[in-house]
Amino acid sequence: MVILVSDGHSNSRPGETVGAADSLKSSDPLLSLYAVAVGTNPNMAALALVATAPRAPYLLRVRAHLPDDVTAVARQLLDSVCSLEENR
């Protein structure tokens, strides 16, 4: 499992992030790559290219920097990881 936390806006070469994510995902078919969007205006399209398909439950968003929102996303990650482990 890999978790990327980002606003989705590249500070360098945008294609490199997607390429690296694709290489990582293809290197291990059991690997799951989660993308967690943060910030007021995250680039969800860019993060969707990074996350494992199907996008739900691998693309998540923290909508506000509030403890309840962060806790809700953390709970989603934990639930998803636990269900993946049960299915292996």
PDB file of N, CA and C in Angstrom:
ATOM      1  N   MET A   1       0.841  -1.171   0.000  1.00  0.00           N
ATOM      2  CA  MET A   1       0.000   0.000   0.000  1.00  0.00           C
ATOM      3  C   MET A   1       0.889   1.238   0.000  1.00  0.00           C
ATOM      4  N   VAL A   2       0.516   2.184  -0.849  1.00  0.00           N
ATOM      5  CA  VAL A   2       1.197   3.473  -0.917  1.00  0.00           C
ATOM      6  C   VAL A   2       0.130   4.548  -0.793  1.00  0.00           C
ATOM      7  N   ILE A   3       0.423   5.567  -0.003  1.00  0.00           N
ATOM      8  CA  ILE A   3      -0.505   6.686   0.154  1.00  0.00           C
ATOM      9  C   ILE A   3       0.211   7.969  -0.265  1.00  0.00           C
ATOM     10  N   LEU A   4      -0.350   8.638  -1.259  1.00  0.00           N
ATOM     11  CA  LEU A   4       0.163   9.928  -1.706  1.00  0.00           C
ATOM     12  C   LEU A   4      -0.790  11.000  -1.182  1.00  0.00           C
ATOM     13  N   VAL A   5      -0.260  11.949  -0.443  1.00  0.00           N
ATOM     14  CA  VAL A   5      -1.048  13.075   0.056  1.00  0.00           C
ATOM     15  C   VAL A   5      -0.549  14.309  -0.676  1.00  0.00           C
ATOM     16  N   SER A   6      -1.457  14.967  -1.411  1.00  0.00           N
ATOM     17  CA  SER A   6      -1.024  16.070  -2.273  1.00  0.00           C
ATOM     18  C   SER A   6      -2.202  16.972  -2.614  1.00  0.00           C
ATOM     19  N   ASP A   7      -1.881  18.157  -3.103  1.00  0.00           N
ATOM     20  CA  ASP A   7      -2.925  19.021  -3.656  1.00  0.00           C
ATOM     21  C   ASP A   7      -3.117  18.733  -5.141  1.00  0.00           C
ATOM     22  N   GLY A   8      -2.277  17.865  -5.700  1.00  0.00           N
ATOM     23  CA  GLY A   8      -2.405  17.473  -7.094  1.00  0.00           C
ATOM     24  C   GLY A   8      -1.778  18.428  -8.087  1.00  0.00           C
ATOM     25  N   HIS A   9      -1.229  19.517  -7.604  1.00  0.00           N
ATOM     26  CA  HIS A   9      -0.586  20.494  -8.483  1.00  0.00           C
ATOM     27  C   HIS A   9       0.910  20.240  -8.470  1.00  0.00           C
ATOM     28  N   SER A  10       1.462  19.918  -9.639  1.00  0.00           N
ATOM     29  CA  SER A  10       2.867  19.569  -9.741  1.00  0.00           C
ATOM     30  C   SER A  10       3.753  20.805  -9.639  1.00  0.00           C
ATOM     31  N   ASN A  11       4.828  20.657  -8.895  1.00  0.00           N
ATOM     32  CA  ASN A  11       5.807  21.734  -8.784  1.00  0.00           C
ATOM     33  C   ASN A  11       6.921  21.580  -9.811  1.00  0.00           C
ATOM     34  N   SER A  12       6.930  20.458 -10.495  1.00  0.00           N
ATOM     35  CA  SER A  12       7.976  20.239 -11.500  1.00  0.00           C
ATOM     36  C   SER A  12       7.340  19.727 -12.781  1.00  0.00           C
ATOM     37  N   ARG A  13       7.630  18.509 -13.160  1.00  0.00           N
ATOM     38  CA  ARG A  13       7.108  17.936 -14.403  1.00  0.00           C
ATOM     39  C   ARG A  13       5.922  17.033 -14.107  1.00  0.00           C
ATOM     40  N   PRO A  14       4.717  17.458 -14.457  1.00  0.00           N
ATOM     41  CA  PRO A  14       3.509  16.696 -14.101  1.00  0.00           C
ATOM     42  C   PRO A  14       3.506  15.254 -14.600  1.00  0.00           C
ATOM     43  N   GLY A  15       4.008  14.998 -15.778  1.00  0.00           N
ATOM     44  CA  GLY A  15       3.991  13.649 -16.327  1.00  0.00           C
ATOM     45  C   GLY A  15       4.833  12.664 -15.533  1.00  0.00           C
ATOM     46  N   GLU A  16       5.839  13.162 -14.835  1.00  0.00           N
ATOM     47  CA  GLU A  16       6.702  12.273 -14.065  1.00  0.00           C
ATOM     48  C   GLU A  16       5.953  11.604 -12.927  1.00  0.00           C
ATOM     49  N   THR A  17       5.058  12.316 -12.294  1.00  0.00           N
ATOM     50  CA  THR A  17       4.297  11.744 -11.181  1.00  0.00           C
ATOM     51  C   THR A  17       3.405  10.612 -11.670  1.00  0.00           C
ATOM     52  N   VAL A  18       2.704  10.842 -12.755  1.00  0.00           N
ATOM     53  CA  VAL A  18       1.811   9.817 -13.299  1.00  0.00           C
ATOM     54  C   VAL A  18       2.631   8.624 -13.781  1.00  0.00           C
ATOM     55  N   GLY A  19       3.729   8.880 -14.455  1.00  0.00           N
ATOM     56  CA  GLY A  19       4.590   7.800 -14.932  1.00  0.00           C
ATOM     57  C   GLY A  19       5.153   6.964 -13.790  1.00  0.00           C
ATOM     58  N   ALA A  20       5.594   7.629 -12.737  1.00  0.00           N
ATOM     59  CA  ALA A  20       6.124   6.916 -11.572  1.00  0.00           C
ATOM     60  C   ALA A  20       5.026   6.089 -10.899  1.00  0.00           C
ATOM     61  N   ALA A  21       3.836   6.657 -10.812  1.00  0.00           N
ATOM     62  CA  ALA A  21       2.714   5.929 -10.206  1.00  0.00           C
ATOM     63  C   ALA A  21       2.354   4.707 -11.044  1.00  0.00           C
ATOM     64  N   ASP A  22       2.329   4.864 -12.356  1.00  0.00           N
ATOM     65  CA  ASP A  22       2.019   3.737 -13.246  1.00  0.00           C
ATOM     66  C   ASP A  22       3.070   2.641 -13.122  1.00  0.00           C
ATOM     67  N   SER A  23       4.332   3.019 -13.068  1.00  0.00           N
ATOM     68  CA  SER A  23       5.411   2.034 -12.912  1.00  0.00           C
ATOM     69  C   SER A  23       5.286   1.287 -11.591  1.00  0.00           C
ATOM     70  N   LEU A  24       4.982   2.025 -10.556  1.00  0.00           N
ATOM     71  CA  LEU A  24       4.828   1.421  -9.235  1.00  0.00           C
ATOM     72  C   LEU A  24       3.663   0.440  -9.219  1.00  0.00           C
ATOM     73  N   LYS A  25       2.529   0.861  -9.777  1.00  0.00           N
ATOM     74  CA  LYS A  25       1.349  -0.017  -9.789  1.00  0.00           C
ATOM     75  C   LYS A  25       1.582  -1.254 -10.637  1.00  0.00           C
ATOM     76  N   SER A  26       2.292  -1.118 -11.741  1.00  0.00           N
ATOM     77  CA  SER A  26       2.524  -2.279 -12.608  1.00  0.00           C
ATOM     78  C   SER A  26       3.597  -3.213 -12.044  1.00  0.00           C
ATOM     79  N   SER A  27       4.418  -2.724 -11.122  1.00  0.00           N
ATOM     80  CA  SER A  27       5.474  -3.554 -10.542  1.00  0.00           C
ATOM     81  C   SER A  27       4.932  -4.620  -9.596  1.00  0.00           C
ATOM     82  N   ASP A  28       3.754  -4.404  -9.049  1.00  0.00           N
ATOM     83  CA  ASP A  28       3.166  -5.359  -8.107  1.00  0.00           C
ATOM     84  C   ASP A  28       1.652  -5.299  -8.238  1.00  0.00           C
ATOM     85  N   PRO A  29       1.023  -6.327  -8.794  1.00  0.00           N
ATOM     86  CA  PRO A  29      -0.428  -6.288  -8.991  1.00  0.00           C
ATOM     87  C   PRO A  29      -1.227  -6.227  -7.686  1.00  0.00           C
ATOM     88  N   LEU A  30      -0.604  -6.545  -6.564  1.00  0.00           N
ATOM     89  CA  LEU A  30      -1.299  -6.468  -5.281  1.00  0.00           C
ATOM     90  C   LEU A  30      -1.153  -5.117  -4.595  1.00  0.00           C
ATOM     91  N   LEU A  31      -0.327  -4.254  -5.174  1.00  0.00           N
ATOM     92  CA  LEU A  31      -0.102  -2.938  -4.580  1.00  0.00           C
ATOM     93  C   LEU A  31      -1.292  -2.019  -4.838  1.00  0.00           C
ATOM     94  N   SER A  32      -1.697  -1.307  -3.820  1.00  0.00           N
ATOM     95  CA  SER A  32      -2.766  -0.317  -3.944  1.00  0.00           C
ATOM     96  C   SER A  32      -2.175   1.063  -3.712  1.00  0.00           C
ATOM     97  N   LEU A  33      -2.483   2.001  -4.598  1.00  0.00           N
ATOM     98  CA  LEU A  33      -1.988   3.360  -4.468  1.00  0.00           C
ATOM     99  C   LEU A  33      -3.175   4.282  -4.192  1.00  0.00           C
ATOM    100  N   TYR A  34      -3.182   4.824  -2.994  1.00  0.00           N
ATOM    101  CA  TYR A  34      -4.225   5.768  -2.579  1.00  0.00           C
ATOM    102  C   TYR A  34      -3.732   7.185  -2.824  1.00  0.00           C
ATOM    103  N   ALA A  35      -4.604   8.031  -3.315  1.00  0.00           N
ATOM    104  CA  ALA A  35      -4.304   9.450  -3.468  1.00  0.00           C
ATOM    105  C   ALA A  35      -5.272  10.224  -2.580  1.00  0.00           C
ATOM    106  N   VAL A  36      -4.725  10.988  -1.659  1.00  0.00           N
ATOM    107  CA  VAL A  36      -5.531  11.797  -0.747  1.00  0.00           C
ATOM    108  C   VAL A  36      -5.332  13.261  -1.120  1.00  0.00           C
ATOM    109  N   ALA A  37      -6.394  13.886  -1.572  1.00  0.00           N
ATOM    110  CA  ALA A  37      -6.351  15.290  -1.989  1.00  0.00           C
ATOM    111  C   ALA A  37      -6.525  16.199  -0.779  1.00  0.00           C
ATOM    112  N   VAL A  38      -5.679  17.209  -0.703  1.00  0.00           N
ATOM    113  CA  VAL A  38      -5.777  18.205   0.366  1.00  0.00           C
ATOM    114  C   VAL A  38      -5.720  19.596  -0.251  1.00  0.00           C
ATOM    115  N   GLY A  39      -6.146  20.573   0.512  1.00  0.00           N
ATOM    116  CA  GLY A  39      -6.093  21.953   0.046  1.00  0.00           C
ATOM    117  C   GLY A  39      -7.461  22.455  -0.376  1.00  0.00           C
ATOM    118  N   THR A  40      -7.508  23.742  -0.665  1.00  0.00           N
ATOM    119  CA  THR A  40      -8.791  24.359  -0.999  1.00  0.00           C
ATOM    120  C   THR A  40      -9.225  24.103  -2.433  1.00  0.00           C
ATOM    121  N   ASN A  41      -8.267  23.843  -3.321  1.00  0.00           N
ATOM    122  CA  ASN A  41      -8.602  23.615  -4.720  1.00  0.00           C
ATOM    123  C   ASN A  41      -7.692  22.539  -5.317  1.00  0.00           C
ATOM    124  N   PRO A  42      -7.816  21.288  -4.826  1.00  0.00           N
ATOM    125  CA  PRO A  42      -6.916  20.250  -5.325  1.00  0.00           C
ATOM    126  C   PRO A  42      -7.222  19.880  -6.777  1.00  0.00           C
ATOM    127  N   ASN A  43      -6.214  19.427  -7.464  1.00  0.00           N
ATOM    128  CA  ASN A  43      -6.364  18.984  -8.847  1.00  0.00           C
ATOM    129  C   ASN A  43      -6.796  17.513  -8.808  1.00  0.00           C
ATOM    130  N   MET A  44      -8.098  17.293  -8.741  1.00  0.00           N
ATOM    131  CA  MET A  44      -8.644  15.944  -8.609  1.00  0.00           C
ATOM    132  C   MET A  44      -8.377  15.110  -9.859  1.00  0.00           C
ATOM    133  N   ALA A  45      -8.367  15.735 -11.021  1.00  0.00           N
ATOM    134  CA  ALA A  45      -8.108  14.997 -12.258  1.00  0.00           C
ATOM    135  C   ALA A  45      -6.694  14.417 -12.251  1.00  0.00           C
ATOM    136  N   ALA A  46      -5.727  15.192 -11.797  1.00  0.00           N
ATOM    137  CA  ALA A  46      -4.344  14.714 -11.737  1.00  0.00           C
ATOM    138  C   ALA A  46      -4.209  13.591 -10.722  1.00  0.00           C
ATOM    139  N   LEU A  47      -4.848  13.733  -9.584  1.00  0.00           N
ATOM    140  CA  LEU A  47      -4.763  12.698  -8.556  1.00  0.00           C
ATOM    141  C   LEU A  47      -5.495  11.428  -8.965  1.00  0.00           C
ATOM    142  N   ALA A  48      -6.543  11.571  -9.750  1.00  0.00           N
ATOM    143  CA  ALA A  48      -7.263  10.389 -10.243  1.00  0.00           C
ATOM    144  C   ALA A  48      -6.365   9.548 -11.151  1.00  0.00           C
ATOM    145  N   LEU A  49      -5.445  10.188 -11.864  1.00  0.00           N
ATOM    146  CA  LEU A  49      -4.520   9.455 -12.728  1.00  0.00           C
ATOM    147  C   LEU A  49      -3.503   8.658 -11.920  1.00  0.00           C
ATOM    148  N   VAL A  50      -3.274   9.061 -10.696  1.00  0.00           N
ATOM    149  CA  VAL A  50      -2.292   8.408  -9.837  1.00  0.00           C
ATOM    150  C   VAL A  50      -2.911   7.243  -9.067  1.00  0.00           C
ATOM    151  N   ALA A  51      -4.136   7.397  -8.623  1.00  0.00           N
ATOM    152  CA  ALA A  51      -4.787   6.396  -7.776  1.00  0.00           C
ATOM    153  C   ALA A  51      -5.055   5.099  -8.531  1.00  0.00           C
ATOM    154  N   THR A  52      -5.072   4.005  -7.780  1.00  0.00           N
ATOM    155  CA  THR A  52      -5.430   2.708  -8.333  1.00  0.00           C
ATOM    156  C   THR A  52      -6.863   2.764  -8.847  1.00  0.00           C
ATOM    157  N   ALA A  53      -7.109   2.067  -9.952  1.00  0.00           N
ATOM    158  CA  ALA A  53      -8.476   1.981 -10.496  1.00  0.00           C
ATOM    159  C   ALA A  53      -9.155   0.744  -9.924  1.00  0.00           C
ATOM    160  N   PRO A  54     -10.436   0.725  -9.712  1.00  0.00           N
ATOM    161  CA  PRO A  54     -11.348   1.858  -9.870  1.00  0.00           C
ATOM    162  C   PRO A  54     -11.079   2.914  -8.795  1.00  0.00           C
ATOM    163  N   ARG A  55     -11.315   4.166  -9.125  1.00  0.00           N
ATOM    164  CA  ARG A  55     -10.923   5.281  -8.257  1.00  0.00           C
ATOM    165  C   ARG A  55     -11.502   5.200  -6.848  1.00  0.00           C
ATOM    166  N   ALA A  56     -12.744   4.799  -6.717  1.00  0.00           N
ATOM    167  CA  ALA A  56     -13.285   4.607  -5.367  1.00  0.00           C
ATOM    168  C   ALA A  56     -12.901   3.207  -4.951  1.00  0.00           C
ATOM    169  N   PRO A  57     -12.301   3.000  -3.869  1.00  0.00           N
ATOM    170  CA  PRO A  57     -12.034   3.853  -2.715  1.00  0.00           C
ATOM    171  C   PRO A  57     -10.622   4.439  -2.679  1.00  0.00           C
ATOM    172  N   TYR A  58      -9.914   4.465  -3.800  1.00  0.00           N
ATOM    173  CA  TYR A  58      -8.504   4.854  -3.792  1.00  0.00           C
ATOM    174  C   TYR A  58      -8.255   6.350  -3.941  1.00  0.00           C
ATOM    175  N   LEU A  59      -9.263   7.120  -4.267  1.00  0.00           N
ATOM    176  CA  LEU A  59      -9.133   8.567  -4.379  1.00  0.00           C
ATOM    177  C   LEU A  59     -10.006   9.200  -3.306  1.00  0.00           C
ATOM    178  N   LEU A  60      -9.353   9.870  -2.369  1.00  0.00           N
ATOM    179  CA  LEU A  60     -10.048  10.469  -1.222  1.00  0.00           C
ATOM    180  C   LEU A  60      -9.738  11.954  -1.158  1.00  0.00           C
ATOM    181  N   ARG A  61     -10.590  12.673  -0.436  1.00  0.00           N
ATOM    182  CA  ARG A  61     -10.363  14.124  -0.322  1.00  0.00           C
ATOM    183  C   ARG A  61     -10.627  14.604   1.093  1.00  0.00           C
ATOM    184  N   VAL A  62      -9.669  15.337   1.631  1.00  0.00           N
ATOM    185  CA  VAL A  62      -9.851  16.049   2.892  1.00  0.00           C
ATOM    186  C   VAL A  62     -10.369  17.417   2.495  1.00  0.00           C
ATOM    187  N   ARG A  63     -11.630  17.671   2.772  1.00  0.00           N
ATOM    188  CA  ARG A  63     -12.258  18.908   2.300  1.00  0.00           C
ATOM    189  C   ARG A  63     -11.925  20.127   3.162  1.00  0.00           C
ATOM    190  N   ALA A  64     -11.609  19.901   4.406  1.00  0.00           N
ATOM    191  CA  ALA A  64     -11.285  21.019   5.294  1.00  0.00           C
ATOM    192  C   ALA A  64     -10.233  20.541   6.287  1.00  0.00           C
ATOM    193  N   HIS A  65      -9.478  21.462   6.806  1.00  0.00           N
ATOM    194  CA  HIS A  65      -8.466  21.100   7.795  1.00  0.00           C
ATOM    195  C   HIS A  65      -9.099  21.069   9.181  1.00  0.00           C
ATOM    196  N   LEU A  66     -10.114  20.276   9.287  1.00  0.00           N
ATOM    197  CA  LEU A  66     -10.821  20.124  10.548  1.00  0.00           C
ATOM    198  C   LEU A  66     -10.605  18.705  11.048  1.00  0.00           C
ATOM    199  N   PRO A  67     -10.469  18.525  12.346  1.00  0.00           N
ATOM    200  CA  PRO A  67     -10.221  17.182  12.880  1.00  0.00           C
ATOM    201  C   PRO A  67     -11.242  16.140  12.417  1.00  0.00           C
ATOM    202  N   ASP A  68     -12.520  16.515  12.355  1.00  0.00           N
ATOM    203  CA  ASP A  68     -13.530  15.539  11.943  1.00  0.00           C
ATOM    204  C   ASP A  68     -13.340  15.093  10.500  1.00  0.00           C
ATOM    205  N   ASP A  69     -12.954  15.999   9.622  1.00  0.00           N
ATOM    206  CA  ASP A  69     -12.759  15.653   8.216  1.00  0.00           C
ATOM    207  C   ASP A  69     -11.538  14.759   8.046  1.00  0.00           C
ATOM    208  N   VAL A  70     -10.463  15.102   8.722  1.00  0.00           N
ATOM    209  CA  VAL A  70      -9.249  14.290   8.660  1.00  0.00           C
ATOM    210  C   VAL A  70      -9.528  12.901   9.237  1.00  0.00           C
ATOM    211  N   THR A  71     -10.257  12.843  10.330  1.00  0.00           N
ATOM    212  CA  THR A  71     -10.608  11.560  10.944  1.00  0.00           C
ATOM    213  C   THR A  71     -11.471  10.722  10.009  1.00  0.00           C
ATOM    214  N   ALA A  72     -12.398  11.342   9.311  1.00  0.00           N
ATOM    215  CA  ALA A  72     -13.265  10.606   8.388  1.00  0.00           C
ATOM    216  C   ALA A  72     -12.451   9.985   7.250  1.00  0.00           C
ATOM    217  N   VAL A  73     -11.507  10.722   6.697  1.00  0.00           N
ATOM    218  CA  VAL A  73     -10.669  10.193   5.620  1.00  0.00           C
ATOM    219  C   VAL A  73      -9.754   9.099   6.161  1.00  0.00           C
ATOM    220  N   ALA A  74      -9.200   9.294   7.338  1.00  0.00           N
ATOM    221  CA  ALA A  74      -8.351   8.264   7.949  1.00  0.00           C
ATOM    222  C   ALA A  74      -9.160   6.986   8.182  1.00  0.00           C
ATOM    223  N   ARG A  75     -10.391   7.125   8.608  1.00  0.00           N
ATOM    224  CA  ARG A  75     -11.259   5.960   8.826  1.00  0.00           C
ATOM    225  C   ARG A  75     -11.541   5.252   7.501  1.00  0.00           C
ATOM    226  N   GLN A  76     -11.776   6.013   6.425  1.00  0.00           N
ATOM    227  CA  GLN A  76     -11.994   5.413   5.107  1.00  0.00           C
ATOM    228  C   GLN A  76     -10.765   4.620   4.664  1.00  0.00           C
ATOM    229  N   LEU A  77      -9.589   5.193   4.874  1.00  0.00           N
ATOM    230  CA  LEU A  77      -8.354   4.501   4.517  1.00  0.00           C
ATOM    231  C   LEU A  77      -8.216   3.204   5.312  1.00  0.00           C
ATOM    232  N   LEU A  78      -8.441   3.283   6.596  1.00  0.00           N
ATOM    233  CA  LEU A  78      -8.318   2.108   7.449  1.00  0.00           C
ATOM    234  C   LEU A  78      -9.323   1.031   7.052  1.00  0.00           C
ATOM    235  N   ASP A  79     -10.561   1.419   6.815  1.00  0.00           N
ATOM    236  CA  ASP A  79     -11.584   0.449   6.397  1.00  0.00           C
ATOM    237  C   ASP A  79     -11.208  -0.199   5.073  1.00  0.00           C
ATOM    238  N   SER A  80     -10.723   0.590   4.152  1.00  0.00           N
ATOM    239  CA  SER A  80     -10.345   0.074   2.844  1.00  0.00           C
ATOM    240  C   SER A  80      -9.160  -0.884   2.949  1.00  0.00           C
ATOM    241  N   VAL A  81      -8.154  -0.511   3.717  1.00  0.00           N
ATOM    242  CA  VAL A  81      -6.984  -1.357   3.887  1.00  0.00           C
ATOM    243  C   VAL A  81      -7.364  -2.665   4.564  1.00  0.00           C
ATOM    244  N   CYS A  82      -8.203  -2.593   5.572  1.00  0.00           N
ATOM    245  CA  CYS A  82      -8.615  -3.810   6.274  1.00  0.00           C
ATOM    246  C   CYS A  82      -9.403  -4.731   5.351  1.00  0.00           C
ATOM    247  N   SER A  83     -10.265  -4.182   4.507  1.00  0.00           N
ATOM    248  CA  SER A  83     -11.039  -5.030   3.601  1.00  0.00           C
ATOM    249  C   SER A  83     -10.135  -5.637   2.529  1.00  0.00           C
ATOM    250  N   LEU A  84      -9.117  -4.906   2.098  1.00  0.00           N
ATOM    251  CA  LEU A  84      -8.159  -5.465   1.131  1.00  0.00           C
ATOM    252  C   LEU A  84      -7.411  -6.633   1.724  1.00  0.00           C
ATOM    253  N   GLU A  85      -6.975  -6.480   2.978  1.00  0.00           N
ATOM    254  CA  GLU A  85      -6.239  -7.543   3.636  1.00  0.00           C
ATOM    255  C   GLU A  85      -7.101  -8.789   3.837  1.00  0.00           C
ATOM    256  N   GLU A  86      -8.382  -8.601   4.133  1.00  0.00           N
ATOM    257  CA  GLU A  86      -9.281  -9.730   4.330  1.00  0.00           C
ATOM    258  C   GLU A  86      -9.484 -10.513   3.035  1.00  0.00           C
ATOM    259  N   ASN A  87      -9.406  -9.817   1.879  1.00  0.00           N
ATOM    260  CA  ASN A  87      -9.641 -10.459   0.596  1.00  0.00           C
ATOM    261  C   ASN A  87      -8.395 -11.112   0.005  1.00  0.00           C
ATOM    262  N   ARG A  88      -7.263 -10.991   0.671  1.00  0.00           N
ATOM    263  CA  ARG A  88      -6.019 -11.591   0.137  1.00  0.00           C
ATOM    264  C   ARG A  88      -5.874 -13.005   0.615  1.00  0.00           C
TER     265      ARG A  88
END
